[in-house]
C-alpha atoms as a PDB file:
ATOM      1  CA  MET A   1      89.606  96.269 114.989  1.00  0.00           C
ATOM      2  CA  VAL A   2      91.121  99.308 116.634  1.00  0.00           C
ATOM      3  CA  GLY A   3      89.086 102.433 117.373  1.00  0.00           C
ATOM      4  CA  GLY A   4      86.592 103.601 114.809  1.00  0.00           C
ATOM      5  CA  LEU A   5      83.605 105.821 114.320  1.00  0.00           C
ATOM      6  CA  CYS A   6      80.052 104.808 115.223  1.00  0.00           C
ATOM      7  CA  GLY A   7      77.594 107.485 114.115  1.00  0.00           C
ATOM      8  CA  ARG A   8      79.185 110.611 115.614  1.00  0.00           C
ATOM      9  CA  GLU A   9      81.002 108.824 118.420  1.00  0.00           C
ATOM     10  CA  TYR A  10      84.729 108.070 118.204  1.00  0.00           C
ATOM     11  CA  LEU A  11      85.674 104.708 119.700  1.00  0.00           C
ATOM     12  CA  ARG A  12      88.467 103.515 122.035  1.00  0.00           C
ATOM     13  CA  ALA A  13      87.716  99.809 121.674  1.00  0.00           C
ATOM     14  CA  VAL A  14      90.134  97.135 120.494  1.00  0.00           C
ATOM     15  CA  GLU A  15      88.576  93.878 119.308  1.00  0.00           C
ATOM     16  CA  ARG A  16      89.775  90.658 117.703  1.00  0.00           C
ATOM     17  CA  TYR A  17      87.792  88.246 115.605  1.00  0.00           C
ATOM     18  CA  ASP A  18      87.719  84.591 116.735  1.00  0.00           C
ATOM     19  CA  ILE A  19      87.274  82.616 113.512  1.00  0.00           C
ATOM     20  CA  LEU A  20      86.546  79.349 115.330  1.00  0.00           C
ATOM     21  CA  SER A  21      83.665  80.814 117.347  1.00  0.00           C
ATOM     22  CA  ASP A  22      82.628  83.359 114.694  1.00  0.00           C
ATOM     23  CA  VAL A  23      82.494  86.147 117.308  1.00  0.00           C
ATOM     24  CA  TRP A  24      84.211  89.457 117.989  1.00  0.00           C
ATOM     25  CA  VAL A  25      85.963  89.629 121.387  1.00  0.00           C
ATOM     26  CA  GLU A  26      86.628  93.006 123.008  1.00  0.00           C
ATOM     27  CA  LEU A  27      90.118  93.369 124.499  1.00  0.00           C
ATOM     28  CA  ASP A  28      89.434  95.838 127.315  1.00  0.00           C
ATOM     29  CA  GLU A  29      93.049  95.872 128.515  1.00  0.00           C
ATOM     30  CA  ALA A  30      94.224  97.021 125.070  1.00  0.00           C
ATOM     31  CA  ALA A  31      91.727  99.892 124.698  1.00  0.00           C
ATOM     32  CA  LEU A  32      93.078 103.168 123.336  1.00  0.00           C
ATOM     33  CA  ALA A  33      93.798 105.983 125.788  1.00  0.00           C
ATOM     34  CA  GLN A  34      91.655 108.338 123.721  1.00  0.00           C
ATOM     35  CA  PRO A  35      89.024 107.742 121.037  1.00  0.00           C
ATOM     36  CA  SER A  36      90.532 107.404 117.560  1.00  0.00           C
ATOM     37  CA  PHE A  37      89.668 106.421 113.993  1.00  0.00           C
ATOM     38  CA  ALA A  38      91.182 106.146 110.493  1.00  0.00           C
ATOM     39  CA  MET A  39      94.463 104.705 111.725  1.00  0.00           C
ATOM     40  CA  THR A  40      96.547 102.499 109.458  1.00  0.00           C
ATOM     41  CA  LEU A  41      97.560  99.278 111.205  1.00  0.00           C
ATOM     42  CA  ALA A  42     100.510  97.020 110.391  1.00  0.00           C
ATOM     43  CA  PRO A  43     101.524  93.769 112.088  1.00  0.00           C
ATOM     44  CA  LEU A  44     105.133  92.912 112.831  1.00  0.00           C
ATOM     45  CA  LYS A  45     106.749  89.616 113.852  1.00  0.00           C
ATOM     46  CA  LYS A  46     103.394  87.994 114.689  1.00  0.00           C
ATOM     47  CA  ARG A  47     103.546  89.932 117.967  1.00  0.00           C
ATOM     48  CA  TYR A  48     103.215  93.692 117.515  1.00  0.00           C
ATOM     49  CA  ILE A  49     100.538  95.906 116.006  1.00  0.00           C
ATOM     50  CA  TYR A  50     101.741  99.313 114.818  1.00  0.00           C
ATOM     51  CA  SER A  51      99.326 102.205 114.381  1.00  0.00           C
ATOM     52  CA  PHE A  52     100.222 105.033 111.990  1.00  0.00           C
ATOM     53  CA  GLY A  53      98.214 108.239 111.955  1.00  0.00           C
ATOM     54  CA  ASP A  54      95.062 108.972 113.817  1.00  0.00           C
ATOM     55  CA  GLY A  55      91.918 110.754 112.688  1.00  0.00           C
ATOM     56  CA  ASN A  56      91.407 111.517 116.327  1.00  0.00           C
ATOM     57  CA  HIS A  57      89.457 113.351 118.594  1.00  0.00           C
ATOM     58  CA  ASN A  58      89.238 117.099 118.506  1.00  0.00           C
ATOM     59  CA  THR A  59      85.709 118.223 117.894  1.00  0.00           C
ATOM     60  CA  ASN A  60      86.480 121.715 119.197  1.00  0.00           C
ATOM     61  CA  PRO A  61      87.866 123.768 116.265  1.00  0.00           C
ATOM     62  CA  SER A  62      89.708 126.140 118.603  1.00  0.00           C
ATOM     63  CA  THR A  63      91.797 123.273 120.038  1.00  0.00           C
ATOM     64  CA  PRO A  64      94.993 122.702 118.047  1.00  0.00           C
ATOM     65  CA  TYR A  65      95.582 119.267 116.579  1.00  0.00           C
ATOM     66  CA  SER A  66      98.432 117.321 118.034  1.00  0.00           C
ATOM     67  CA  GLN A  67     101.619 116.596 116.201  1.00  0.00           C
ATOM     68  CA  GLU A  68     102.114 113.203 114.604  1.00  0.00           C
ATOM     69  CA  THR A  69     102.288 110.124 116.824  1.00  0.00           C
ATOM     70  CA  PHE A  70     102.785 106.431 116.165  1.00  0.00           C
ATOM     71  CA  LYS A  71     101.652 103.681 118.523  1.00  0.00           C
ATOM     72  CA  ARG A  72     102.592 100.045 119.143  1.00  0.00           C
ATOM     73  CA  LEU A  73     100.747  97.268 120.953  1.00  0.00           C
ATOM     74  CA  ASP A  74     102.573  94.154 122.154  1.00  0.00           C
ATOM     75  CA  THR A  75      99.950  91.423 121.748  1.00  0.00           C
ATOM     76  CA  LYS A  76     101.799  89.226 124.266  1.00  0.00           C
ATOM     77  CA  LYS A  77     101.583  91.974 126.894  1.00  0.00           C
ATOM     78  CA  LEU A  78      98.145  93.511 126.315  1.00  0.00           C
ATOM     79  CA  SER A  79      97.889  94.725 129.918  1.00  0.00           C
ATOM     80  CA  LEU A  80     100.703  97.219 129.225  1.00  0.00           C
ATOM     81  CA  GLY A  81      98.515  98.962 126.635  1.00  0.00           C
ATOM     82  CA  TRP A  82      99.862 100.995 123.726  1.00  0.00           C
ATOM     83  CA  ASP A  83     103.355 102.516 123.607  1.00  0.00           C
ATOM     84  CA  GLN A  84     103.238 105.952 121.996  1.00  0.00           C
ATOM     85  CA  LEU A  85     105.996 107.754 120.130  1.00  0.00           C
ATOM     86  CA  THR A  86     105.474 111.455 119.432  1.00  0.00           C
ATOM     87  CA  LEU A  87     107.583 112.594 116.519  1.00  0.00           C
ATOM     88  CA  PRO A  88     110.080 115.329 117.395  1.00  0.00           C
ATOM     89  CA  ASN A  89     109.085 117.751 114.628  1.00  0.00           C
ATOM     90  CA  PRO A  90     106.140 119.858 115.899  1.00  0.00           C
ATOM     91  CA  SER A  91     105.372 121.032 112.354  1.00  0.00           C
ATOM     92  CA  LEU A  92     104.240 117.502 111.403  1.00  0.00           C
ATOM     93  CA  VAL A  93     100.498 117.726 111.894  1.00  0.00           C
ATOM     94  CA  ASN A  94      98.469 114.688 112.807  1.00  0.00           C
ATOM     95  CA  GLY A  95      97.415 112.755 109.715  1.00  0.00           C
ATOM     96  CA  CYS A  96      95.489 109.579 108.995  1.00  0.00           C
ATOM     97  CA  GLN A  97      94.587 107.065 106.273  1.00  0.00           C
ATOM     98  CA  TYR A  98      98.200 106.503 105.271  1.00  0.00           C
ATOM     99  CA  GLY A  99      99.491 103.880 102.918  1.00  0.00           C
ATOM    100  CA  VAL A 100     102.038 101.702 104.726  1.00  0.00           C
ATOM    101  CA  VAL A 101     104.384  99.163 103.149  1.00  0.00           C
ATOM    102  CA  PRO A 102     106.841  97.027 105.136  1.00  0.00           C
ATOM    103  CA  LEU A 103     110.308  97.376 103.612  1.00  0.00           C
ATOM    104  CA  GLY A 104     112.280  94.793 105.606  1.00  0.00           C
ATOM    105  CA  SER A 105     114.601  94.591 108.553  1.00  0.00           C
ATOM    106  CA  ASP A 106     118.215  94.859 109.585  1.00  0.00           C
ATOM    107  CA  GLY A 107     118.426  92.911 112.835  1.00  0.00           C
ATOM    108  CA  GLU A 108     116.222  94.587 115.418  1.00  0.00           C
ATOM    109  CA  VAL A 109     115.363  97.600 113.209  1.00  0.00           C
ATOM    110  CA  PHE A 110     112.401  97.189 110.869  1.00  0.00           C
ATOM    111  CA  GLU A 111     111.457  99.786 108.233  1.00  0.00           C
ATOM    112  CA  PHE A 112     108.035 100.878 106.996  1.00  0.00           C
ATOM    113  CA  LEU A 113     107.425 103.193 104.023  1.00  0.00           C
ATOM    114  CA  ILE A 114     104.575 105.574 104.945  1.00  0.00           C
ATOM    115  CA  PHE A 115     102.991 107.671 102.222  1.00  0.00           C
ATOM    116  CA  GLY A 116     100.001 109.799 101.343  1.00  0.00           C
ATOM    117  CA  GLY A 117      97.250 110.238 103.903  1.00  0.00           C
ATOM    118  CA  ILE A 118      95.035 113.164 104.806  1.00  0.00           C
ATOM    119  CA  GLU A 119      95.287 115.786 107.515  1.00  0.00           C
ATOM    120  CA  ALA A 120      93.193 114.839 110.540  1.00  0.00           C
ATOM    121  CA  LYS A 121      91.959 118.412 110.965  1.00  0.00           C
ATOM    122  CA  ASP A 122      90.903 118.735 107.329  1.00  0.00           C
ATOM    123  CA  PRO A 123      89.900 115.459 105.652  1.00  0.00           C
ATOM    124  CA  TYR A 124      89.910 117.177 102.240  1.00  0.00           C
ATOM    125  CA  ASP A 125      93.583 118.128 102.552  1.00  0.00           C
ATOM    126  CA  VAL A 126      95.511 115.251 100.975  1.00  0.00           C
ATOM    127  CA  MET A 127      99.083 115.010 102.229  1.00  0.00           C
ATOM    128  CA  GLY A 128     101.790 114.129  99.755  1.00  0.00           C
ATOM    129  CA  ARG A 129     104.631 113.384 102.119  1.00  0.00           C
ATOM    130  CA  THR A 130     106.601 110.170 102.051  1.00  0.00           C
ATOM    131  CA  CYS A 131     108.651 108.973 104.954  1.00  0.00           C
ATOM    132  CA  VAL A 132     110.409 105.973 106.409  1.00  0.00           C
ATOM    133  CA  PHE A 133     109.736 104.821 109.947  1.00  0.00           C
ATOM    134  CA  LYS A 134     112.583 102.744 111.379  1.00  0.00           C
ATOM    135  CA  THR A 135     111.258 100.957 114.427  1.00  0.00           C
ATOM    136  CA  ASN A 136     113.556  99.449 117.004  1.00  0.00           C
ATOM    137  CA  VAL A 137     111.678  96.287 117.999  1.00  0.00           C
ATOM    138  CA  GLU A 138     113.480  96.011 121.336  1.00  0.00           C
ATOM    139  CA  ASP A 139     113.134  99.690 122.309  1.00  0.00           C
ATOM    140  CA  PHE A 140     110.214 101.419 120.569  1.00  0.00           C
ATOM    141  CA  ARG A 141     111.244 104.834 121.944  1.00  0.00           C
ATOM    142  CA  ASP A 142     114.529 104.529 120.046  1.00  0.00           C
ATOM    143  CA  SER A 143     112.685 104.399 116.704  1.00  0.00           C
ATOM    144  CA  LYS A 144     113.536 106.933 113.980  1.00  0.00           C
ATOM    145  CA  PHE A 145     111.428 108.844 111.475  1.00  0.00           C
ATOM    146  CA  GLU A 146     112.757 110.334 108.256  1.00  0.00           C
ATOM    147  CA  ILE A 147     110.841 112.504 105.796  1.00  0.00           C
ATOM    148  CA  LEU A 148     111.925 111.817 102.234  1.00  0.00           C
ATOM    149  CA  GLY A 149     112.444 114.711  99.854  1.00  0.00           C
ATOM    150  CA  ALA A 150     110.004 113.686  97.150  1.00  0.00           C
ATOM    151  CA  ARG A 151     106.259 114.138  97.430  1.00  0.00           C
ATOM    152  CA  VAL A 152     103.771 111.389  96.682  1.00  0.00           C
ATOM    153  CA  THR A 153     101.697 111.865  93.568  1.00  0.00           C
ATOM    154  CA  ALA A 154      98.450 110.025  92.959  1.00  0.00           C
ATOM    155  CA  ILE A 155      97.973 108.731  89.429  1.00  0.00           C
ATOM    156  CA  GLY A 156      94.535 107.906  88.074  1.00  0.00           C
ATOM    157  CA  GLU A 157      91.005 109.170  88.418  1.00  0.00           C
ATOM    158  CA  GLU A 158      89.541 110.264  91.745  1.00  0.00           C
ATOM    159  CA  ASN A 159      87.848 106.956  92.551  1.00  0.00           C
ATOM    160  CA  ASP A 160      90.380 104.717  90.797  1.00  0.00           C
ATOM    161  CA  ASP A 161      92.717 102.140  92.247  1.00  0.00           C
ATOM    162  CA  ASN A 162      95.497 104.752  92.467  1.00  0.00           C
ATOM    163  CA  CYS A 163      99.226 104.216  92.353  1.00  0.00           C
ATOM    164  CA  TYR A 164     101.586 106.337  94.404  1.00  0.00           C
ATOM    165  CA  VAL A 165     104.917 107.273  92.900  1.00  0.00           C
ATOM    166  CA  LYS A 166     107.966 108.337  94.900  1.00  0.00           C
ATOM    167  CA  GLU A 167     111.086 109.015  92.872  1.00  0.00           C
ATOM    168  CA  SER A 168     112.007 105.634  91.324  1.00  0.00           C
ATOM    169  CA  VAL A 169     109.613 103.492  93.364  1.00  0.00           C
ATOM    170  CA  ILE A 170     106.008 102.684  92.491  1.00  0.00           C
ATOM    171  CA  VAL A 171     103.760 101.436  95.266  1.00  0.00           C
ATOM    172  CA  THR A 172     100.446 100.121  94.008  1.00  0.00           C
ATOM    173  CA  SER A 173      97.283  99.817  96.035  1.00  0.00           C
ATOM    174  CA  ARG A 174      97.897  96.065  95.995  1.00  0.00           C
ATOM    175  CA  TRP A 175     101.016  96.655  98.185  1.00  0.00           C
ATOM    176  CA  LYS A 176     103.599  95.756  95.590  1.00  0.00           C
ATOM    177  CA  VAL A 177     106.803  97.759  95.411  1.00  0.00           C
ATOM    178  CA  SER A 178     108.431  98.050  92.006  1.00  0.00           C
ATOM    179  CA  HIS A 179     111.638  99.825  91.125  1.00  0.00           C
ATOM    180  CA  LEU A 180     111.727 101.705  87.826  1.00  0.00           C
END
């Protein structure tokens, strides 16, 4: 569990569930630098946890929302905390609740398809962007981010199990990727 919302309080906590003891254990050394919620998490190589988007923080409407950032935690080096990568395009506003699908790797570069989401400053503003995040496992700061030309379109009723369509790829809510 990473971050969250408890009542009206945003959380910084990072916890793991111990299935043998049936208890949650707080990992103080891995706590977030600032309270956050609505992040999408993805594991990689049984070692890293990636965090995409962040429904963070600003309760003051006059404070501008930050531009998009991605984070990574090395579970073998928890004391180092989270690496953070701020995307170079300042027009990319901070979003959250993304769909994320691992696409595969080419050596030390691993790709994630990131789609949909909502704007952190306005939870009713659904974002339709699709992008690919190419993470360099050895050097996180050398990771790349590419916005794809097509917009994501939700298909189905408002509370349905929606599909997201991007050009010739369908990504279902069950995390299957199909090519048309």
